[in-house]
Amino acid sequence: MDARSIIAKLRQSEVPTREELIWFAQGLADGGVSDAQAGAFAMAVCMGGLGAQGRADLTVAMRDSGEVLIWDVDGPVIDKHSTGGVGDCVSLVLAPALAECGAYVPMISGRGLGHTGGTLDKLEAIPGVSTQISQDRLAQVLRDTGAAIVGATGQIAPADKRLYAVRDVTATVESLDLITASILSKKLAVSPDALVLDVKVGSGAFMKTIEDAQKLARALTETANTAGCRTSAVITDMNQPLAPALGNALEVAEVMKTLTGATKSPLAEISAELGGVLLSDAGMCDTVDLGRTKIAEIIADGRAADRFGRMMAAVGGPVQFVDAWTRFLPEANVIQEVPAPNDGYVTAIDGEALGLAVVALGGGRQVESDQIDPAVGVSQILRLGDRVAKGEPLACVHAAREDAAHRAAATISAAVTIQDKPIAAPNLVHERITA
């Protein structure tokens, strides 16, 4: 086999065989395929597609290009993935709740991408926490605490790492087949028994329309199930931030509020919904409704908080973090309210603009090498349907400098639409999709 014949096949609208895709993925991993060939492959897939079976074959080939983890544990291994949104810190609530149910959750997560925050960046706002640990250490943390949220090592799906870098510079990031293979090659490499996919839709998500979200959800669930992992997807709303804060330490604060008492929140509701689906799919509850109730109870009675504390201590965080989290999280030098320009009701929020405002404050990366300021961001964001009077705060900016705070405040003011008539708040959960 050679790369040119595989690329030529794609150019002629033919789908490569499973063996050809395995060969190509291995070439991506070990350098046998050049950057030019990788780019041509990505463009050919973007233009012509692979079909359902070809997409599944590429996903498995990319998964198998590196190490596939096997666990020696006495319960089901389950996992969750979000396609990305603003104020989305569900993993930090859900993982400990699932572990408290008796599941094992080895969650390989990522850093901030574009306008969306990264789970690893949020965790690293907690002093001492290390999210880059060895696989041996990961296995030990998983056995000890039931859950670990860490970054991928170079041995996990190396073909994806190489192809993603090429896609980023060849305008092929948006290919449905390549998105699916990229997400699932990493998730399936941890060998979950069940997986739930939180597919976000709306102004703060990558998928802006319900139709695009449905296409992605179906592609992901069909591919993962074909690859042998019981998988469901839940399409959830991202027309406003899920938590009322954006920024790493500020989102951890919202997580701690949820885990220690503020359980009537969108963050708690989505965590329970996704957890219910996972517990049902993993055979740990008879129905999604029973699973949802179980997760909600574990969050409400403090068991998830205790488990989260153990998880953080196991990766270097403060032993007393749960009891005194306000003392440990960093605070910004400047905190400034953003006044409403007029009376009315909040009828639209541009979540992407809010996310980019946080990036500009230093809470995200404009290039990969940027250092993140964990303290900056936006808090106390009003929700759709809220009434506000002129001069009352739409949100609060947390910044390192006053000039940065003023710029962010202007962006936030422009991103929030206030009108005379109220609107009904959108449903948090739009649809559940199973293969």
Protein backbone atom coordinates (compact mmCIF):
# COMPACT_ATOMS: atom_id res chain seq x y z
CA MET A 1 0.00 0.00 0.00
CA ASP A 2 1.00 3.62 -0.37
CA ALA A 3 -0.54 6.97 0.54
CA ARG A 4 -0.90 8.14 -3.05
CA SER A 5 -3.16 5.26 -4.08
CA ILE A 6 -5.39 5.78 -1.02
CA ILE A 7 -5.68 9.51 -1.72
CA ALA A 8 -6.40 8.81 -5.40
CA LYS A 9 -9.16 6.42 -4.39
CA LEU A 10 -10.78 9.11 -2.25
CA ARG A 11 -10.46 11.64 -5.05
CA GLN A 12 -12.43 9.27 -7.28
CA SER A 13 -15.20 9.07 -4.63
CA GLU A 14 -14.22 5.56 -3.57
CA VAL A 15 -13.97 4.68 0.11
CA PRO A 16 -10.67 3.04 1.12
CA THR A 17 -10.83 -0.43 2.63
CA ARG A 18 -10.46 -1.03 6.35
CA GLU A 19 -6.92 -2.32 5.76
CA GLU A 20 -6.01 0.81 3.79
CA LEU A 21 -7.32 3.09 6.54
CA ILE A 22 -5.41 1.11 9.16
CA TRP A 23 -2.25 1.51 7.08
CA PHE A 24 -2.83 5.25 6.64
CA ALA A 25 -3.51 5.83 10.36
CA GLN A 26 -0.34 3.99 11.28
CA GLY A 27 1.55 6.13 8.77
CA LEU A 28 0.18 9.24 10.45
CA ALA A 29 1.37 7.93 13.81
CA ASP A 30 4.88 6.83 12.80
CA GLY A 31 5.68 9.44 10.15
CA GLY A 32 5.31 7.14 7.17
CA VAL A 33 2.73 9.57 5.76
CA SER A 34 4.00 13.07 4.96
CA ASP A 35 2.28 16.32 5.98
CA ALA A 36 1.37 16.94 2.33
CA GLN A 37 -0.23 13.51 2.06
CA ALA A 38 -2.07 13.98 5.37
CA GLY A 39 -3.43 17.31 4.11
CA ALA A 40 -4.52 15.80 0.80
CA PHE A 41 -6.23 12.95 2.66
CA ALA A 42 -8.08 15.37 4.95
CA MET A 43 -9.23 17.50 2.01
CA ALA A 44 -10.38 14.44 0.04
CA VAL A 45 -12.41 13.19 3.03
CA CYS A 46 -13.81 16.67 3.58
CA MET A 47 -14.95 16.91 -0.03
CA GLY A 48 -16.23 13.39 -0.61
CA GLY A 49 -16.91 11.78 2.75
CA LEU A 50 -16.36 8.23 3.92
CA GLY A 51 -19.85 6.93 4.62
CA ALA A 52 -20.89 5.28 7.87
CA GLN A 53 -18.70 2.18 7.60
CA GLY A 54 -15.66 4.09 6.35
CA ARG A 55 -16.05 6.59 9.19
CA ALA A 56 -16.15 3.75 11.72
CA ASP A 57 -13.13 2.06 10.12
CA LEU A 58 -11.10 5.29 10.26
CA THR A 59 -12.11 5.85 13.89
CA VAL A 60 -10.99 2.38 14.96
CA ALA A 61 -7.79 2.66 12.91
CA MET A 62 -6.92 5.95 14.60
CA ARG A 63 -7.77 4.52 18.02
CA ASP A 64 -5.50 1.55 17.37
CA SER A 65 -2.62 3.75 16.14
CA GLY A 66 -1.54 4.03 19.78
CA GLU A 67 -2.13 2.41 23.11
CA VAL A 68 -5.60 1.16 24.04
CA LEU A 69 -6.00 1.16 27.81
CA ILE A 70 -7.33 -1.86 29.68
CA TRP A 71 -8.50 -1.54 33.27
CA ASP A 72 -8.37 -3.98 36.18
CA VAL A 73 -11.40 -2.72 38.12
CA ASP A 74 -14.47 -4.30 39.69
CA GLY A 75 -17.15 -2.19 38.01
CA PRO A 76 -18.18 -0.77 34.64
CA VAL A 77 -15.91 1.78 32.97
CA ILE A 78 -17.94 4.72 31.64
CA ASP A 79 -17.17 8.10 30.11
CA LYS A 80 -18.66 11.35 28.85
CA HIS A 81 -17.67 13.82 26.14
CA SER A 82 -18.95 17.32 25.38
CA THR A 83 -18.62 18.96 21.98
CA GLY A 84 -17.87 22.23 23.74
CA GLY A 85 -19.71 25.28 24.98
CA VAL A 86 -19.38 28.22 27.33
CA GLY A 87 -19.79 27.79 31.06
CA ASP A 88 -19.76 24.02 30.50
CA CYS A 89 -18.11 22.48 33.57
CA VAL A 90 -20.32 19.39 33.73
CA SER A 91 -17.42 16.91 33.84
CA LEU A 92 -16.30 18.21 37.23
CA VAL A 93 -19.75 17.50 38.70
CA LEU A 94 -20.60 14.33 36.80
CA ALA A 95 -17.38 12.31 37.16
CA PRO A 96 -17.41 12.18 40.99
CA ALA A 97 -21.17 11.48 41.03
CA LEU A 98 -20.71 8.51 38.69
CA ALA A 99 -17.81 7.22 40.77
CA GLU A 100 -19.99 7.38 43.86
CA CYS A 101 -22.44 5.06 42.05
CA GLY A 102 -19.73 2.41 41.71
CA ALA A 103 -18.60 3.18 38.17
CA TYR A 104 -15.04 3.94 37.09
CA VAL A 105 -14.53 7.10 35.05
CA PRO A 106 -11.15 7.55 33.31
CA MET A 107 -11.93 10.84 31.58
CA ILE A 108 -9.34 11.94 29.03
CA SER A 109 -10.05 15.64 28.57
CA GLY A 110 -8.67 18.59 26.66
CA ARG A 111 -7.72 22.23 26.95
CA GLY A 112 -9.55 25.29 25.73
CA LEU A 113 -10.38 25.41 22.03
CA GLY A 114 -11.52 28.62 20.35
CA HIS A 115 -14.18 30.33 22.45
CA THR A 116 -14.81 27.31 24.68
CA GLY A 117 -13.03 26.56 27.93
CA GLY A 118 -10.99 23.43 28.58
CA THR A 119 -11.68 20.99 31.41
CA LEU A 120 -7.97 20.57 32.15
CA ASP A 121 -7.46 24.33 32.38
CA LYS A 122 -10.33 24.56 34.86
CA LEU A 123 -8.91 21.83 37.08
CA GLU A 124 -5.47 23.42 37.02
CA ALA A 125 -6.98 26.58 38.56
CA ILE A 126 -6.95 24.52 41.77
CA PRO A 127 -3.48 24.92 43.34
CA GLY A 128 -1.26 21.86 43.02
CA VAL A 129 -3.48 19.87 40.67
CA SER A 130 -1.58 18.05 37.91
CA THR A 131 -3.58 16.75 34.95
CA GLN A 132 -0.62 15.24 33.08
CA ILE A 133 0.15 11.97 34.84
CA SER A 134 1.57 8.63 33.75
CA GLN A 135 -0.70 5.78 32.76
CA ASP A 136 0.42 3.79 35.80
CA ARG A 137 -0.50 6.71 38.04
CA LEU A 138 -3.82 7.12 36.22
CA ALA A 139 -4.66 3.47 36.88
CA GLN A 140 -3.83 3.90 40.57
CA VAL A 141 -5.92 7.08 40.92
CA LEU A 142 -8.81 5.34 39.18
CA ARG A 143 -8.66 2.38 41.58
CA ASP A 144 -8.37 4.67 44.61
CA THR A 145 -11.01 7.28 43.80
CA GLY A 146 -13.16 5.82 41.00
CA ALA A 147 -12.58 8.77 38.66
CA ALA A 148 -9.73 10.74 37.12
CA ILE A 149 -9.85 13.69 34.73
CA VAL A 150 -6.51 13.95 32.96
CA GLY A 151 -4.84 14.90 29.69
CA ALA A 152 -3.96 12.44 26.97
CA THR A 153 -0.43 11.12 26.73
CA GLY A 154 1.47 10.87 23.46
CA GLN A 155 0.57 7.18 23.34
CA ILE A 156 -3.19 7.82 23.03
CA ALA A 157 -4.40 8.02 19.40
CA PRO A 158 -1.22 9.58 17.96
CA ALA A 159 -2.72 9.47 14.47
CA ASP A 160 -5.39 11.92 15.60
CA LYS A 161 -2.86 14.33 17.07
CA ARG A 162 -1.02 14.43 13.75
CA LEU A 163 -4.13 14.67 11.57
CA TYR A 164 -5.74 17.33 13.76
CA ALA A 165 -2.72 19.61 13.41
CA VAL A 166 -2.91 19.25 9.64
CA ARG A 167 -6.65 19.84 9.56
CA ASP A 168 -6.21 23.06 11.52
CA VAL A 169 -4.10 24.61 8.74
CA THR A 170 -5.95 23.13 5.75
CA ALA A 171 -9.51 24.34 6.47
CA THR A 172 -10.77 20.78 6.97
CA VAL A 173 -11.67 20.99 10.67
CA GLU A 174 -15.41 20.98 9.92
CA SER A 175 -15.56 17.60 8.16
CA LEU A 176 -18.19 15.48 9.94
CA ASP A 177 -16.20 12.29 9.31
CA LEU A 178 -12.96 13.76 10.63
CA ILE A 179 -14.65 15.37 13.66
CA THR A 180 -16.21 12.01 14.53
CA ALA A 181 -12.98 10.05 14.13
CA SER A 182 -11.03 12.64 16.12
CA ILE A 183 -13.41 12.67 19.09
CA LEU A 184 -14.03 8.95 19.26
CA SER A 185 -10.50 7.69 18.58
CA LYS A 186 -9.41 9.25 21.87
CA LYS A 187 -12.54 8.34 23.82
CA LEU A 188 -12.58 4.71 22.66
CA ALA A 189 -8.87 4.34 23.48
CA VAL A 190 -9.81 4.23 27.19
CA SER A 191 -12.06 1.19 26.52
CA PRO A 192 -15.34 2.42 28.05
CA ASP A 193 -18.25 0.03 28.47
CA ALA A 194 -20.63 2.95 27.91
CA LEU A 195 -20.23 6.50 26.62
CA VAL A 196 -22.55 9.51 26.57
CA LEU A 197 -21.99 12.43 24.22
CA ASP A 198 -23.21 15.90 25.17
CA VAL A 199 -23.76 17.59 21.81
CA LYS A 200 -24.20 21.32 22.34
CA VAL A 201 -26.31 23.53 20.08
CA GLY A 202 -26.78 27.29 20.04
CA SER A 203 -24.93 30.59 20.10
CA GLY A 204 -22.22 29.37 22.48
CA ALA A 205 -21.62 26.05 20.71
CA PHE A 206 -19.75 25.01 17.59
CA MET A 207 -23.02 23.65 16.17
CA LYS A 208 -25.35 26.63 15.81
CA THR A 209 -28.44 24.83 14.46
CA ILE A 210 -30.38 21.82 15.71
CA GLU A 211 -30.00 20.18 12.29
CA ASP A 212 -26.19 20.31 12.45
CA ALA A 213 -26.23 19.06 16.04
CA GLN A 214 -28.46 16.13 15.06
CA LYS A 215 -26.13 15.17 12.21
CA LEU A 216 -23.13 15.17 14.52
CA ALA A 217 -24.95 13.30 17.28
CA ARG A 218 -26.09 10.58 14.87
CA ALA A 219 -22.64 10.23 13.31
CA LEU A 220 -21.02 9.92 16.73
CA THR A 221 -23.49 7.42 18.16
CA GLU A 222 -23.59 5.25 15.03
CA THR A 223 -19.81 5.17 14.78
CA ALA A 224 -19.17 4.43 18.45
CA ASN A 225 -21.75 1.67 18.56
CA THR A 226 -20.35 0.15 15.36
CA ALA A 227 -16.95 0.20 17.06
CA GLY A 228 -18.42 -1.84 19.94
CA CYS A 229 -19.09 0.79 22.62
CA ARG A 230 -22.64 1.32 23.92
CA THR A 231 -23.17 5.02 23.19
CA SER A 232 -25.98 7.56 23.37
CA ALA A 233 -26.02 11.29 22.67
CA VAL A 234 -27.96 14.10 24.32
CA ILE A 235 -28.43 17.37 22.45
CA THR A 236 -28.37 20.18 25.03
CA ASP A 237 -28.93 23.90 24.77
CA MET A 238 -26.06 26.36 24.54
CA ASN A 239 -27.92 29.54 23.64
CA GLN A 240 -26.67 30.88 26.98
CA PRO A 241 -23.84 29.82 29.28
CA LEU A 242 -24.66 26.64 31.18
CA ALA A 243 -23.15 27.96 34.40
CA PRO A 244 -23.46 31.71 35.10
CA ALA A 245 -19.69 32.14 34.89
CA LEU A 246 -16.92 31.79 32.30
CA GLY A 247 -13.26 31.46 33.18
CA ASN A 248 -11.32 28.72 34.88
CA ALA A 249 -11.38 29.53 38.60
CA LEU A 250 -14.84 31.10 38.28
CA GLU A 251 -16.25 27.91 36.73
CA VAL A 252 -14.65 25.78 39.44
CA ALA A 253 -16.41 28.05 41.93
CA GLU A 254 -19.74 27.29 40.23
CA VAL A 255 -18.94 23.57 40.41
CA MET A 256 -18.29 23.85 44.13
CA LYS A 257 -21.52 25.78 44.67
CA THR A 258 -23.38 22.99 42.89
CA LEU A 259 -21.62 20.23 44.82
CA THR A 260 -22.14 21.93 48.17
CA GLY A 261 -25.76 23.01 48.04
CA ALA A 262 -26.83 24.95 44.92
CA THR A 263 -28.37 21.87 43.32
CA LYS A 264 -31.30 23.63 41.60
CA SER A 265 -29.21 24.83 38.70
CA PRO A 266 -28.79 24.09 34.99
CA LEU A 267 -25.37 22.62 35.76
CA ALA A 268 -26.89 20.11 38.19
CA GLU A 269 -29.76 19.34 35.82
CA ILE A 270 -27.55 18.53 32.84
CA SER A 271 -25.20 16.49 35.02
CA ALA A 272 -28.14 14.39 36.22
CA GLU A 273 -29.49 13.96 32.69
CA LEU A 274 -26.20 12.75 31.26
CA GLY A 275 -25.51 10.61 34.30
CA GLY A 276 -28.92 8.97 34.04
CA VAL A 277 -28.27 8.00 30.43
CA LEU A 278 -24.87 6.56 31.33
CA LEU A 279 -26.10 4.55 34.31
CA SER A 280 -28.90 3.11 32.18
CA ASP A 281 -26.65 2.26 29.22
CA ALA A 282 -24.09 0.65 31.55
CA GLY A 283 -26.74 -1.54 33.16
CA MET A 284 -26.40 0.16 36.56
CA CYS A 285 -30.01 1.42 36.57
CA ASP A 286 -33.10 0.01 34.90
CA THR A 287 -34.17 3.30 33.33
CA VAL A 288 -32.78 6.73 32.52
CA ASP A 289 -35.29 8.28 34.95
CA LEU A 290 -33.99 6.15 37.83
CA GLY A 291 -30.40 6.99 36.91
CA ARG A 292 -31.19 10.69 36.73
CA THR A 293 -32.75 10.60 40.19
CA LYS A 294 -29.80 8.70 41.62
CA ILE A 295 -27.25 11.20 40.29
CA ALA A 296 -29.33 14.14 41.53
CA GLU A 297 -29.47 12.63 45.04
CA ILE A 298 -25.72 12.02 45.13
CA ILE A 299 -25.06 15.63 44.16
CA ALA A 300 -27.63 16.99 46.64
CA ASP A 301 -26.49 15.06 49.72
CA GLY A 302 -22.80 15.95 49.40
CA ARG A 303 -21.43 12.55 48.39
CA ALA A 304 -20.27 13.87 45.00
CA ALA A 305 -18.47 16.74 46.75
CA ASP A 306 -16.60 14.36 49.03
CA ARG A 307 -15.60 12.22 46.05
CA PHE A 308 -14.44 15.31 44.14
CA GLY A 309 -12.22 16.25 47.08
CA ARG A 310 -10.62 12.81 47.03
CA MET A 311 -10.08 13.07 43.27
CA MET A 312 -8.32 16.42 43.59
CA ALA A 313 -6.13 15.32 46.49
CA ALA A 314 -5.05 12.26 44.48
CA VAL A 315 -3.61 14.49 41.73
CA GLY A 316 -1.90 17.02 44.00
CA GLY A 317 -4.71 19.34 45.05
CA PRO A 318 -5.30 20.63 48.60
CA VAL A 319 -6.62 17.96 50.95
CA GLN A 320 -9.11 20.46 52.45
CA PHE A 321 -10.24 21.93 49.13
CA VAL A 322 -13.93 21.02 49.45
CA ASP A 323 -14.17 22.49 52.95
CA ALA A 324 -12.39 25.75 52.10
CA TRP A 325 -12.50 26.12 48.33
CA THR A 326 -12.99 29.91 48.42
CA ARG A 327 -9.61 30.23 50.14
CA PHE A 328 -7.74 28.28 47.49
CA LEU A 329 -9.10 29.64 44.20
CA PRO A 330 -7.24 32.63 42.70
CA GLU A 331 -8.99 36.01 42.42
CA ALA A 332 -8.57 38.70 39.78
CA ASN A 333 -7.13 42.13 40.57
CA VAL A 334 -10.06 44.01 39.00
CA ILE A 335 -13.74 43.11 39.37
CA GLN A 336 -16.12 45.39 37.47
CA GLU A 337 -19.87 45.26 36.93
CA VAL A 338 -21.28 45.56 33.40
CA PRO A 339 -24.35 47.84 33.62
CA ALA A 340 -27.44 47.23 31.53
CA PRO A 341 -27.87 50.00 28.92
CA ASN A 342 -31.68 50.06 29.31
CA ASP A 343 -34.64 48.46 31.07
CA GLY A 344 -36.07 45.22 29.73
CA TYR A 345 -35.70 41.48 29.46
CA VAL A 346 -32.70 39.45 28.34
CA THR A 347 -33.80 37.89 25.04
CA ALA A 348 -30.51 36.74 23.47
CA ILE A 349 -26.93 36.05 24.56
CA ASP A 350 -24.06 35.65 22.11
CA GLY A 351 -22.19 32.91 23.92
CA GLU A 352 -19.36 32.81 21.42
CA ALA A 353 -18.70 36.53 21.95
CA LEU A 354 -18.64 36.00 25.72
CA GLY A 355 -16.19 33.14 25.33
CA LEU A 356 -13.90 35.20 23.11
CA ALA A 357 -14.04 38.04 25.66
CA VAL A 358 -12.66 35.63 28.26
CA VAL A 359 -9.92 34.56 25.85
CA ALA A 360 -9.00 38.23 25.34
CA LEU A 361 -8.80 38.68 29.12
CA GLY A 362 -6.19 35.91 29.24
CA GLY A 363 -8.53 33.11 30.29
CA GLY A 364 -7.96 31.13 27.09
CA ARG A 365 -5.38 30.71 24.36
CA GLN A 366 -5.07 32.62 21.11
CA VAL A 367 -2.06 30.48 20.20
CA GLU A 368 -1.08 27.13 21.70
CA SER A 369 1.85 28.54 23.68
CA ASP A 370 -0.20 31.21 25.52
CA GLN A 371 -0.19 31.05 29.31
CA ILE A 372 -3.62 31.16 30.95
CA ASP A 373 -4.58 33.44 33.81
CA PRO A 374 -6.91 31.21 35.87
CA ALA A 375 -8.47 34.10 37.79
CA VAL A 376 -9.96 36.11 34.91
CA GLY A 377 -13.38 35.71 33.35
CA VAL A 378 -17.02 36.73 33.68
CA SER A 379 -19.40 35.89 36.53
CA GLN A 380 -23.02 36.51 37.58
CA ILE A 381 -24.23 36.36 33.99
CA LEU A 382 -27.98 36.92 33.69
CA ARG A 383 -30.08 34.23 32.04
CA LEU A 384 -32.50 34.39 29.14
CA GLY A 385 -35.84 35.79 30.30
CA ASP A 386 -34.40 37.69 33.27
CA ARG A 387 -35.66 41.24 33.80
CA VAL A 388 -33.07 43.95 34.35
CA ALA A 389 -33.29 47.67 35.02
CA LYS A 390 -30.99 50.23 33.40
CA GLY A 391 -27.72 50.39 35.31
CA GLU A 392 -28.18 47.03 37.03
CA PRO A 393 -25.43 44.47 36.31
CA LEU A 394 -25.67 42.15 33.32
CA ALA A 395 -22.54 40.40 34.60
CA CYS A 396 -19.24 41.03 36.38
CA VAL A 397 -15.86 41.12 34.66
CA HIS A 398 -12.81 39.70 36.44
CA ALA A 399 -9.61 41.05 34.89
CA ALA A 400 -5.93 41.55 35.57
CA ARG A 401 -6.02 45.24 34.52
CA GLU A 402 -8.62 47.99 34.32
CA ASP A 403 -8.16 48.59 30.59
CA ALA A 404 -8.79 44.89 29.87
CA ALA A 405 -11.86 45.00 32.10
CA HIS A 406 -13.28 47.98 30.18
CA ARG A 407 -12.80 46.24 26.81
CA ALA A 408 -14.43 43.06 28.06
CA ALA A 409 -17.34 45.03 29.53
CA ALA A 410 -18.02 46.64 26.14
CA THR A 411 -17.97 43.23 24.45
CA ILE A 412 -20.33 41.73 27.02
CA SER A 413 -22.75 44.64 26.79
CA ALA A 414 -22.92 44.18 23.01
CA ALA A 415 -23.36 40.41 23.36
CA VAL A 416 -26.52 40.63 25.50
CA THR A 417 -29.78 41.68 23.84
CA ILE A 418 -32.37 43.47 26.02
CA GLN A 419 -35.89 43.99 24.71
CA ASP A 420 -39.26 45.12 26.07
CA LYS A 421 -41.02 41.75 25.95
CA PRO A 422 -39.84 38.63 27.79
CA ILE A 423 -39.14 35.30 26.15
CA ALA A 424 -39.54 31.78 27.45
CA ALA A 425 -36.27 30.20 28.53
CA PRO A 426 -35.23 27.39 26.15
CA ASN A 427 -35.32 23.79 27.29
CA LEU A 428 -31.96 22.55 28.53
CA VAL A 429 -32.39 19.15 26.86
CA HIS A 430 -33.56 19.09 23.25
CA GLU A 431 -33.28 15.43 22.28
CA ARG A 432 -31.74 12.10 23.21
CA ILE A 433 -30.31 9.97 20.40
CA THR A 434 -29.41 6.31 20.54
CA ALA A 435 -28.04 4.20 17.74
